[in-house]
Amino acid sequence: MLTVNLRRMKKNQTGTITAVNARGELGRRIRDMGLVPGTQVTIKGRAPLYDPVALRLMGFTLTLRNDEANYIDVEVKE
C-alpha cells in the first residue's frame, strides 16, 4: 500500500483515509464532513481547472477544494 495526499489521487482511484493533518477550525470542519481516518473515499471527478475535486464516501458525493485536500493523507493500492 502507498500513502498519498488526497489532492494527488486520480479519477476513479479509491483509498482509505489515514490522517487529517489540519488543526483548529479547518481540521474540525474537515472531520465534520465525514473525512476521518478509516473512511474509504473514491475520486469521482475534477473541475476543468482541477479545483474542486468530487469525492464519493459513505453513500454521498462531496466536493472539496484542493487547499483542503492537501491536509488529508490516503492509503491507496499501487
Protein backbone atom coordinates (compact mmCIF):
# COMPACT_ATOMS: atom_id res chain seq x y z
CA MET A 1 0.00 0.00 0.00
CA LEU A 2 1.08 3.54 -0.75
CA THR A 3 0.15 6.69 1.20
CA VAL A 4 -0.54 9.78 -0.91
CA ASN A 5 -2.08 13.18 -0.46
CA LEU A 6 -5.79 13.29 -1.42
CA ARG A 7 -5.01 16.06 -3.90
CA ARG A 8 -2.68 13.69 -5.83
CA MET A 9 -5.26 10.92 -6.33
CA LYS A 10 -6.53 10.22 -9.84
CA LYS A 11 -10.12 9.96 -11.08
CA ASN A 12 -11.81 6.68 -10.05
CA GLN A 13 -8.98 5.89 -7.61
CA THR A 14 -10.12 4.57 -4.23
CA GLY A 15 -8.33 4.66 -0.90
CA THR A 16 -8.71 4.82 2.86
CA ILE A 17 -8.04 7.99 4.82
CA THR A 18 -5.12 7.50 7.20
CA ALA A 19 -4.69 11.02 8.64
CA VAL A 20 -6.16 14.52 8.66
CA ASN A 21 -3.28 16.91 9.30
CA ALA A 22 -5.30 20.12 9.64
CA ARG A 23 -5.69 21.74 13.03
CA GLY A 24 -8.11 24.19 14.53
CA GLU A 25 -11.30 25.25 12.75
CA LEU A 26 -10.29 23.78 9.39
CA GLY A 27 -9.48 20.40 10.93
CA ARG A 28 -12.80 20.32 12.75
CA ARG A 29 -14.70 21.27 9.59
CA ILE A 30 -12.97 18.55 7.53
CA ARG A 31 -13.78 15.93 10.18
CA ASP A 32 -17.38 17.15 10.47
CA MET A 33 -17.81 16.44 6.73
CA GLY A 34 -17.01 12.77 7.44
CA LEU A 35 -13.38 12.83 6.33
CA VAL A 36 -11.92 10.89 9.24
CA PRO A 37 -9.27 8.15 9.40
CA GLY A 38 -10.66 4.78 8.31
CA THR A 39 -13.14 6.24 5.80
CA GLN A 40 -12.97 4.92 2.24
CA VAL A 41 -13.05 7.61 -0.48
CA THR A 42 -13.22 7.49 -4.28
CA ILE A 43 -12.31 10.37 -6.59
CA LYS A 44 -15.31 10.87 -8.89
CA GLY A 45 -14.10 13.86 -10.87
CA ARG A 46 -12.45 17.24 -11.00
CA ALA A 47 -13.49 20.63 -12.31
CA PRO A 48 -11.91 21.79 -15.60
CA LEU A 49 -9.13 23.63 -13.73
CA TYR A 50 -8.77 20.67 -11.27
CA ASP A 51 -10.32 22.55 -8.36
CA PRO A 52 -12.58 21.47 -6.66
CA VAL A 53 -12.47 17.67 -6.54
CA ALA A 54 -15.61 15.49 -6.19
CA LEU A 55 -15.32 12.64 -3.67
CA ARG A 56 -17.65 9.73 -3.03
CA LEU A 57 -17.77 8.50 0.57
CA MET A 58 -20.33 6.87 2.87
CA GLY A 59 -23.05 6.96 0.18
CA PHE A 60 -22.82 10.65 -0.74
CA THR A 61 -20.79 12.92 -3.00
CA LEU A 62 -18.75 15.76 -1.50
CA THR A 63 -16.75 18.47 -3.24
CA LEU A 64 -13.57 19.66 -1.62
CA ARG A 65 -11.13 22.42 -2.55
CA ASN A 66 -7.56 21.40 -3.28
CA ASP A 67 -6.19 23.53 -0.44
CA GLU A 68 -8.36 21.46 1.95
CA ALA A 69 -7.45 18.16 0.24
CA ASN A 70 -3.77 18.90 0.92
CA TYR A 71 -4.33 18.11 4.61
CA ILE A 72 -5.69 14.60 4.03
CA ASP A 73 -3.46 11.51 3.65
CA VAL A 74 -4.93 8.46 1.93
CA GLU A 75 -3.64 4.89 1.63
CA VAL A 76 -4.16 3.53 -1.90
CA LYS A 77 -3.25 0.36 -3.75
CA GLU A 78 -0.27 0.82 -6.05
